[in-house]
Amino acid sequence: MLPDGRMQCDLCPRDCRLHEGQRGACFVRQRVGDGMMLTTYGRSSGFCIDPIEKKPLNHFYPGSSVLSFGTAGCNLACKFCQNWDISKSREMDTLADSASPGEIARAAAAGSSTSVAFTYNDPVIFAEYAMDVADACHERGIKTVAVTAGYIHDAPRREFYAKMDAANVDLKAFTDDFYVKLCGARLKPVLETLVYLKHETDCWFEITTLLIPGKNDSVEELTAECIWIMKELGPDVPLHFTAFHPDYKMTDLPRTPPATLTRAREIALAEGLHYVYTGNVHDERGGSTYCPACKSALVIRDWYRIDEYRITPDGKCPDCGTAIAGRFETFKRAFGPRRIPVAIHRAA
């Protein structure tokens, strides 16, 4: 409690200071008396079964299916948000589906999903709900995935990621100016999350940078990002460069040219990163996984479709025996580029 009677929310670096009844910038966390209430607990914007590659995660049980859901609101204010109808929503009517943690875990098991993903909007802001769902999933042997911007304070970060088996973290750019002007946030907390994940957890994670023409796609910025990843995280953290399409408040910019994605991938590989991908485009070469030692193609992909899979069940290159970073198991068949809406049936 602050001297002026306001209460500070300590979940993320926005540090919202709230009077009674006020909501934070995320819109879903509200001060009620002397506590903070998550107004979207148990409510979702919908459930779908997706390929894990859509998160995107290329080294976390490739070819498997994941039950995906989100809520409403967000603690960032990205002008280029591709899910703005959900993440920017202040309408609770957006939350069409209600489901308890146990019901979500049962639905994932019934759909033979390997994991459950907290996605569409940032799970940081519905952390309590996500962590309870994670507990219910783990009781059934189901993994959990956070698709997040990584904008969270240290103490809740530790509690949150202790429940996550994997994450894809959006590194939206590599300048603070971009974060301030286009996201209403700062770069430093995101970098701190990445360093924490690498050095203090067993959570598998991959990084995504959406390349926006003229905003974060210069050779200098991409080189600086890749040098930092190589130095602070090492060569084995997969990096995805994905294509922007005009949306939300940035409809005046063109789509990202495929050549920009290819150039970014070449920069990253030249800096020593082992696993670099292009996304949101058809690009077999940029979407495929190669052995960092012998350069053999191990997983041939085109967008979310897997055309060939050669990694051994214990995660090695079959040609030279090099260990491939990630989480792997016996590959049976790929789920494929389907998207299957799911209705959660309430327990009697």
Protein backbone atom coordinates (compact mmCIF):
# COMPACT_ATOMS: atom_id res chain seq x y z
CA MET A 1 0.00 0.00 0.00
CA LEU A 2 1.33 3.43 -0.93
CA PRO A 3 1.18 6.52 1.34
CA ASP A 4 -1.57 8.07 -0.79
CA GLY A 5 -3.80 5.02 -0.31
CA ARG A 6 -3.22 3.49 -3.71
CA MET A 7 -2.09 -0.11 -4.08
CA GLN A 8 0.73 -1.06 -6.44
CA CYS A 9 0.42 -4.15 -8.58
CA ASP A 10 3.81 -5.88 -8.49
CA LEU A 11 3.24 -8.42 -11.27
CA CYS A 12 4.92 -6.61 -14.14
CA PRO A 13 7.17 -3.57 -14.71
CA ARG A 14 4.18 -1.32 -15.38
CA ASP A 15 3.76 -1.08 -11.58
CA CYS A 16 0.17 0.12 -11.86
CA ARG A 17 -0.95 2.10 -8.80
CA LEU A 18 -4.63 1.64 -8.20
CA HIS A 19 -7.42 3.14 -6.13
CA GLU A 20 -10.25 0.91 -4.94
CA GLY A 21 -12.06 -0.67 -7.90
CA GLN A 22 -9.54 0.48 -10.49
CA ARG A 23 -8.08 -1.89 -13.06
CA GLY A 24 -4.48 -1.95 -14.23
CA ALA A 25 -3.27 -1.19 -17.75
CA CYS A 26 -3.88 -4.84 -18.62
CA PHE A 27 -7.55 -4.21 -17.73
CA VAL A 28 -8.02 -7.63 -16.13
CA ARG A 29 -6.32 -7.13 -12.77
CA GLN A 30 -8.45 -5.07 -10.40
CA ARG A 31 -7.96 -3.74 -6.92
CA VAL A 32 -10.63 -5.08 -4.57
CA GLY A 33 -10.13 -3.96 -0.98
CA ASP A 34 -6.57 -4.72 0.06
CA GLY A 35 -5.97 -7.28 -2.68
CA MET A 36 -5.66 -7.70 -6.44
CA MET A 37 -8.32 -9.76 -8.22
CA LEU A 38 -7.94 -11.47 -11.59
CA THR A 39 -11.30 -10.72 -13.22
CA THR A 40 -10.80 -13.24 -16.04
CA TYR A 41 -10.03 -16.30 -13.92
CA GLY A 42 -11.76 -19.34 -15.42
CA ARG A 43 -12.88 -17.51 -18.56
CA SER A 44 -11.42 -17.85 -22.05
CA SER A 45 -11.72 -16.34 -25.51
CA GLY A 46 -11.93 -19.87 -26.93
CA PHE A 47 -10.05 -23.16 -27.26
CA CYS A 48 -8.39 -24.72 -30.31
CA ILE A 49 -6.07 -27.63 -30.96
CA ASP A 50 -3.07 -26.43 -33.00
CA PRO A 51 0.25 -27.84 -34.19
CA ILE A 52 3.00 -26.99 -31.68
CA GLU A 53 4.90 -25.35 -34.56
CA LYS A 54 2.28 -22.58 -34.56
CA LYS A 55 3.38 -21.25 -31.15
CA PRO A 56 6.08 -21.27 -32.69
CA LEU A 57 8.07 -24.08 -31.06
CA ASN A 58 10.15 -26.21 -33.43
CA HIS A 59 12.19 -28.10 -30.82
CA PHE A 60 9.48 -29.03 -28.31
CA TYR A 61 7.99 -32.38 -29.31
CA PRO A 62 7.84 -31.51 -33.04
CA GLY A 63 4.70 -32.60 -34.81
CA SER A 64 2.66 -32.81 -31.61
CA SER A 65 -0.66 -31.09 -30.96
CA VAL A 66 -1.31 -28.42 -28.35
CA LEU A 67 -4.58 -27.22 -26.83
CA SER A 68 -4.40 -23.43 -27.05
CA PHE A 69 -6.37 -20.74 -25.26
CA GLY A 70 -6.18 -17.19 -24.00
CA THR A 71 -8.27 -14.71 -22.06
CA ALA A 72 -8.55 -10.95 -22.68
CA GLY A 73 -6.33 -7.94 -22.12
CA CYS A 74 -2.56 -7.42 -22.23
CA ASN A 75 0.12 -5.59 -20.24
CA LEU A 76 1.79 -4.26 -23.38
CA ALA A 77 0.33 -1.80 -25.87
CA CYS A 78 1.81 -2.98 -29.16
CA LYS A 79 0.55 -0.92 -32.07
CA PHE A 80 1.16 -3.87 -34.42
CA CYS A 81 -0.62 -6.55 -32.36
CA GLN A 82 -1.73 -9.46 -34.58
CA ASN A 83 -4.26 -10.66 -31.97
CA TRP A 84 -5.57 -7.22 -31.03
CA ASP A 85 -9.23 -8.27 -31.03
CA ILE A 86 -8.41 -10.48 -28.02
CA SER A 87 -5.43 -8.87 -26.34
CA LYS A 88 -6.78 -5.32 -26.57
CA SER A 89 -10.31 -6.28 -25.67
CA ARG A 90 -11.98 -4.58 -22.74
CA GLU A 91 -15.20 -6.42 -23.35
CA MET A 92 -15.73 -9.36 -21.06
CA ASP A 93 -18.16 -10.69 -23.69
CA THR A 94 -15.00 -11.66 -25.61
CA LEU A 95 -14.64 -14.42 -23.04
CA ALA A 96 -17.16 -16.81 -24.49
CA ASP A 97 -15.96 -20.00 -22.81
CA SER A 98 -15.73 -20.83 -19.14
CA ALA A 99 -13.55 -23.65 -17.91
CA SER A 100 -11.91 -24.73 -14.69
CA PRO A 101 -8.27 -25.88 -14.67
CA GLY A 102 -9.38 -29.49 -14.31
CA GLU A 103 -11.78 -29.23 -17.23
CA ILE A 104 -9.04 -27.85 -19.47
CA ALA A 105 -6.68 -30.66 -18.50
CA ARG A 106 -9.38 -33.24 -19.21
CA ALA A 107 -10.08 -31.68 -22.62
CA ALA A 108 -6.39 -31.78 -23.51
CA ALA A 109 -6.19 -35.43 -22.53
CA ALA A 110 -9.36 -36.26 -24.47
CA GLY A 111 -7.91 -34.59 -27.56
CA SER A 112 -4.58 -36.42 -27.17
CA SER A 113 -2.73 -33.12 -26.93
CA THR A 114 0.84 -33.33 -25.68
CA SER A 115 0.61 -29.88 -24.15
CA VAL A 116 -1.59 -26.91 -23.29
CA ALA A 117 -0.54 -23.44 -24.46
CA PHE A 118 -1.42 -20.13 -22.84
CA THR A 119 -1.48 -17.88 -25.87
CA TYR A 120 -3.44 -15.32 -27.98
CA ASN A 121 -2.91 -12.79 -25.18
CA ASP A 122 -0.07 -12.76 -22.65
CA PRO A 123 -0.43 -15.37 -19.88
CA VAL A 124 1.57 -13.17 -17.52
CA ILE A 125 -1.58 -11.17 -16.83
CA PHE A 126 -3.64 -14.29 -16.03
CA ALA A 127 -0.79 -15.96 -14.17
CA GLU A 128 -2.90 -17.42 -11.35
CA TYR A 129 -5.26 -19.11 -13.81
CA ALA A 130 -2.38 -20.35 -16.00
CA MET A 131 -0.49 -21.79 -13.03
CA ASP A 132 -3.57 -23.60 -11.74
CA VAL A 133 -4.17 -25.03 -15.21
CA ALA A 134 -0.52 -26.11 -15.31
CA ASP A 135 -0.90 -27.99 -12.03
CA ALA A 136 -3.98 -29.80 -13.35
CA CYS A 137 -2.21 -30.65 -16.60
CA HIS A 138 0.88 -31.98 -14.89
CA GLU A 139 -1.27 -34.34 -12.84
CA ARG A 140 -2.27 -35.93 -16.16
CA GLY A 141 1.22 -35.90 -17.69
CA ILE A 142 0.40 -33.00 -20.02
CA LYS A 143 3.02 -30.30 -20.66
CA THR A 144 2.40 -26.56 -20.48
CA VAL A 145 3.56 -23.78 -22.80
CA ALA A 146 3.63 -20.00 -22.28
CA VAL A 147 3.57 -17.76 -25.36
CA THR A 148 4.60 -14.47 -23.87
CA ALA A 149 6.34 -11.13 -24.21
CA GLY A 150 8.31 -11.92 -21.05
CA TYR A 151 7.31 -8.65 -19.38
CA ILE A 152 7.20 -9.65 -15.72
CA HIS A 153 8.93 -8.84 -12.43
CA ASP A 154 11.49 -11.17 -10.88
CA ALA A 155 9.47 -12.71 -8.01
CA PRO A 156 6.34 -13.57 -10.05
CA ARG A 157 8.63 -14.65 -12.91
CA ARG A 158 10.12 -17.35 -10.70
CA GLU A 159 6.74 -18.57 -9.55
CA PHE A 160 5.24 -18.52 -13.04
CA TYR A 161 8.01 -20.31 -14.94
CA ALA A 162 8.33 -22.97 -12.26
CA LYS A 163 5.02 -24.25 -13.69
CA MET A 164 5.95 -24.02 -17.39
CA ASP A 165 7.59 -26.75 -19.46
CA ALA A 166 8.23 -24.50 -22.44
CA ALA A 167 7.89 -20.93 -23.60
CA ASN A 168 8.13 -18.84 -26.70
CA VAL A 169 9.24 -15.34 -25.78
CA ASP A 170 8.63 -12.42 -28.13
CA LEU A 171 11.76 -10.32 -28.37
CA LYS A 172 9.93 -7.61 -30.25
CA ALA A 173 13.01 -5.58 -31.16
CA PHE A 174 16.46 -4.89 -29.85
CA THR A 175 16.15 -1.18 -29.03
CA ASP A 176 14.50 0.44 -26.05
CA ASP A 177 13.19 3.15 -28.37
CA PHE A 178 11.07 0.58 -30.24
CA TYR A 179 9.66 -0.85 -27.01
CA VAL A 180 8.79 2.60 -25.64
CA LYS A 181 7.21 4.03 -28.80
CA LEU A 182 5.49 0.96 -30.24
CA CYS A 183 4.83 -1.26 -27.21
CA GLY A 184 4.53 1.08 -24.23
CA ALA A 185 7.19 -0.97 -22.45
CA ARG A 186 10.97 -1.34 -21.97
CA LEU A 187 13.49 -3.79 -23.39
CA LYS A 188 15.50 -4.56 -20.24
CA PRO A 189 12.88 -6.68 -18.37
CA VAL A 190 12.46 -8.89 -21.44
CA LEU A 191 16.19 -9.51 -21.67
CA GLU A 192 16.21 -10.31 -17.95
CA THR A 193 13.46 -12.90 -18.50
CA LEU A 194 15.47 -14.56 -21.27
CA VAL A 195 18.63 -14.72 -19.17
CA TYR A 196 16.63 -16.11 -16.25
CA LEU A 197 15.05 -18.82 -18.38
CA LYS A 198 18.41 -19.90 -19.77
CA HIS A 199 20.45 -19.93 -16.60
CA GLU A 200 18.01 -20.62 -13.77
CA THR A 201 15.28 -22.92 -15.14
CA ASP A 202 14.79 -26.17 -17.02
CA CYS A 203 12.02 -24.57 -19.07
CA TRP A 204 12.65 -25.08 -22.80
CA PHE A 205 12.29 -21.78 -24.65
CA GLU A 206 12.52 -20.31 -28.10
CA ILE A 207 12.56 -16.68 -29.23
CA THR A 208 10.45 -14.91 -31.85
CA THR A 209 11.15 -11.54 -33.45
CA LEU A 210 8.42 -10.19 -35.75
CA LEU A 211 10.25 -8.15 -38.39
CA ILE A 212 8.44 -4.91 -39.23
CA PRO A 213 9.69 -3.06 -42.32
CA GLY A 214 11.67 0.02 -41.38
CA LYS A 215 11.10 -0.44 -37.63
CA ASN A 216 13.30 -3.28 -36.36
CA ASP A 217 14.77 -4.96 -39.43
CA SER A 218 18.04 -3.12 -40.04
CA VAL A 219 21.23 -5.12 -40.45
CA GLU A 220 22.73 -3.29 -37.48
CA GLU A 221 19.86 -4.09 -35.11
CA LEU A 222 19.55 -7.70 -36.20
CA THR A 223 23.29 -8.20 -35.82
CA ALA A 224 23.23 -6.68 -32.32
CA GLU A 225 20.34 -8.95 -31.31
CA CYS A 226 22.09 -12.07 -32.55
CA ILE A 227 25.39 -11.14 -30.91
CA TRP A 228 23.56 -10.66 -27.59
CA ILE A 229 21.74 -14.00 -27.88
CA MET A 230 24.97 -15.79 -28.71
CA LYS A 231 26.81 -14.20 -25.78
CA GLU A 232 24.11 -14.35 -23.10
CA LEU A 233 22.08 -17.44 -24.09
CA GLY A 234 24.37 -19.50 -26.30
CA PRO A 235 23.98 -20.96 -29.80
CA ASP A 236 21.26 -23.53 -29.06
CA VAL A 237 18.26 -21.29 -28.33
CA PRO A 238 16.10 -21.40 -31.48
CA LEU A 239 15.33 -18.01 -33.00
CA HIS A 240 12.31 -17.37 -35.25
CA PHE A 241 12.12 -14.37 -37.57
CA THR A 242 8.48 -13.98 -38.58
CA ALA A 243 6.69 -11.87 -41.16
CA PHE A 244 4.58 -8.85 -40.22
CA HIS A 245 1.24 -8.15 -41.84
CA PRO A 246 -0.53 -4.77 -41.49
CA ASP A 247 -2.88 -4.83 -38.51
CA TYR A 248 -4.37 -2.88 -35.60
CA LYS A 249 -2.77 0.60 -35.53
CA MET A 250 -0.07 -0.11 -38.13
CA THR A 251 -2.00 -0.72 -41.33
CA ASP A 252 0.05 1.76 -43.34
CA LEU A 253 3.14 -0.47 -43.57
CA PRO A 254 3.78 -3.21 -46.14
CA ARG A 255 4.11 -6.89 -45.34
CA THR A 256 7.59 -8.13 -44.56
CA PRO A 257 9.32 -9.20 -47.79
CA PRO A 258 10.54 -12.82 -47.71
CA ALA A 259 14.01 -11.54 -48.58
CA THR A 260 14.13 -9.66 -45.26
CA LEU A 261 13.47 -12.87 -43.35
CA THR A 262 16.13 -14.74 -45.34
CA ARG A 263 18.67 -11.97 -44.69
CA ALA A 264 17.90 -12.00 -40.96
CA ARG A 265 18.34 -15.78 -40.85
CA GLU A 266 21.68 -15.50 -42.65
CA ILE A 267 22.86 -12.86 -40.16
CA ALA A 268 21.95 -15.08 -37.21
CA LEU A 269 23.64 -18.15 -38.68
CA ALA A 270 26.76 -16.09 -39.43
CA GLU A 271 26.90 -15.02 -35.78
CA GLY A 272 26.95 -18.69 -34.74
CA LEU A 273 23.35 -19.48 -33.81
CA HIS A 274 22.50 -23.10 -34.61
CA TYR A 275 18.75 -23.06 -35.12
CA VAL A 276 17.26 -20.09 -36.98
CA TYR A 277 13.87 -20.09 -38.66
CA THR A 278 11.66 -17.96 -40.86
CA GLY A 279 7.95 -17.88 -40.11
CA ASN A 280 4.55 -16.79 -41.43
CA VAL A 281 5.79 -17.62 -44.94
CA HIS A 282 6.24 -20.69 -47.12
CA ASP A 283 10.01 -21.26 -46.93
CA GLU A 284 11.15 -24.87 -46.70
CA ARG A 285 14.79 -23.99 -46.20
CA GLY A 286 14.08 -21.38 -43.54
CA GLY A 287 11.52 -23.56 -41.77
CA SER A 288 13.61 -26.72 -41.54
CA THR A 289 15.92 -27.98 -38.79
CA TYR A 290 19.51 -28.87 -39.63
CA CYS A 291 22.22 -30.64 -37.66
CA PRO A 292 24.67 -27.95 -36.50
CA ALA A 293 27.59 -30.36 -36.99
CA CYS A 294 27.08 -32.23 -40.27
CA LYS A 295 24.39 -29.90 -41.70
CA SER A 296 22.02 -32.78 -42.53
CA ALA A 297 18.35 -31.84 -42.85
CA LEU A 298 16.65 -33.39 -39.83
CA VAL A 299 13.12 -31.93 -39.92
CA ILE A 300 11.89 -30.61 -43.24
CA ARG A 301 9.04 -28.15 -42.78
CA ASP A 302 6.93 -25.85 -44.89
CA TRP A 303 5.12 -23.43 -42.59
CA TYR A 304 3.37 -25.72 -40.05
CA ARG A 305 3.64 -28.87 -42.16
CA ILE A 306 6.34 -31.48 -41.48
CA ASP A 307 7.34 -33.36 -44.63
CA GLU A 308 10.23 -35.37 -43.20
CA TYR A 309 11.41 -36.14 -39.66
CA ARG A 310 14.77 -37.78 -38.84
CA ILE A 311 15.70 -36.82 -35.26
CA THR A 312 16.15 -39.93 -33.10
CA PRO A 313 13.86 -40.43 -30.09
CA ASP A 314 16.73 -39.42 -27.76
CA GLY A 315 17.23 -36.19 -29.69
CA LYS A 316 20.23 -36.87 -31.93
CA CYS A 317 21.23 -36.54 -35.55
CA PRO A 318 21.00 -40.03 -37.09
CA ASP A 319 23.95 -39.30 -39.39
CA CYS A 320 26.64 -38.07 -36.98
CA GLY A 321 25.17 -38.57 -33.51
CA THR A 322 25.23 -34.89 -32.53
CA ALA A 323 22.73 -33.99 -29.80
CA ILE A 324 20.01 -31.63 -31.04
CA ALA A 325 18.85 -29.07 -28.49
CA GLY A 326 15.21 -29.45 -27.46
CA ARG A 327 12.66 -31.92 -26.14
CA PHE A 328 12.01 -34.98 -28.28
CA GLU A 329 10.28 -38.35 -28.20
CA THR A 330 9.47 -41.14 -30.63
CA PHE A 331 7.93 -39.51 -33.71
CA LYS A 332 4.81 -41.23 -34.99
CA ARG A 333 3.10 -38.77 -37.29
CA ALA A 334 2.69 -35.02 -37.45
CA PHE A 335 -0.54 -33.39 -36.32
CA GLY A 336 -0.30 -31.19 -39.40
CA PRO A 337 -1.39 -27.60 -40.12
CA ARG A 338 -4.91 -28.10 -38.84
CA ARG A 339 -6.77 -25.84 -36.42
CA ILE A 340 -9.57 -27.62 -34.57
CA PRO A 341 -11.95 -25.56 -32.38
CA VAL A 342 -12.77 -27.27 -29.09
CA ALA A 343 -15.76 -26.89 -26.78
CA ILE A 344 -15.00 -27.45 -23.11
CA HIS A 345 -17.71 -29.52 -21.50
CA ARG A 346 -18.45 -28.58 -17.92
CA ALA A 347 -18.10 -31.33 -15.36
CA ALA A 348 -21.37 -32.52 -13.87
